[in-house]
Amino acid sequence: MRWPYRDKRIEWDEEKNETLLRKRGVSFNDVVLLIEEERVIDVIPHWDETRRPHQQAIIIMLNDYIHVVPFVVDEEKVFLKTIFASRKITQRYMR
């Protein structure tokens, strides 16, 4: 899938990025690389639209497992929130 926000810069919290790399072995840099290589599987609305009405999520494959990357978009940028593996989403996309 082609990334729909090519005209916006991508940002994240560097402290969060270091924590993700240390604890989960993935980083926002990995996500950006996959976006640049047009290897985004899907972009979906956040599953809890009541609590997170402005969030969306990137679905990507990292380390042979589907990962979800919630993000928000404003006029200038895309801000990545976190990265997590999801068994439920993996089952949906790997049928």
Foldseek 3Di string as FASTA:
>chain_A
DADPPPVAAEEEDVVQQVVCCVPPVDGVVVVVVCNVVVQFPDKAQPPCCVVVVQKIWTWGADPNFIKIWIWGDDPHHIYTYHIDGDPVVRVVPVD
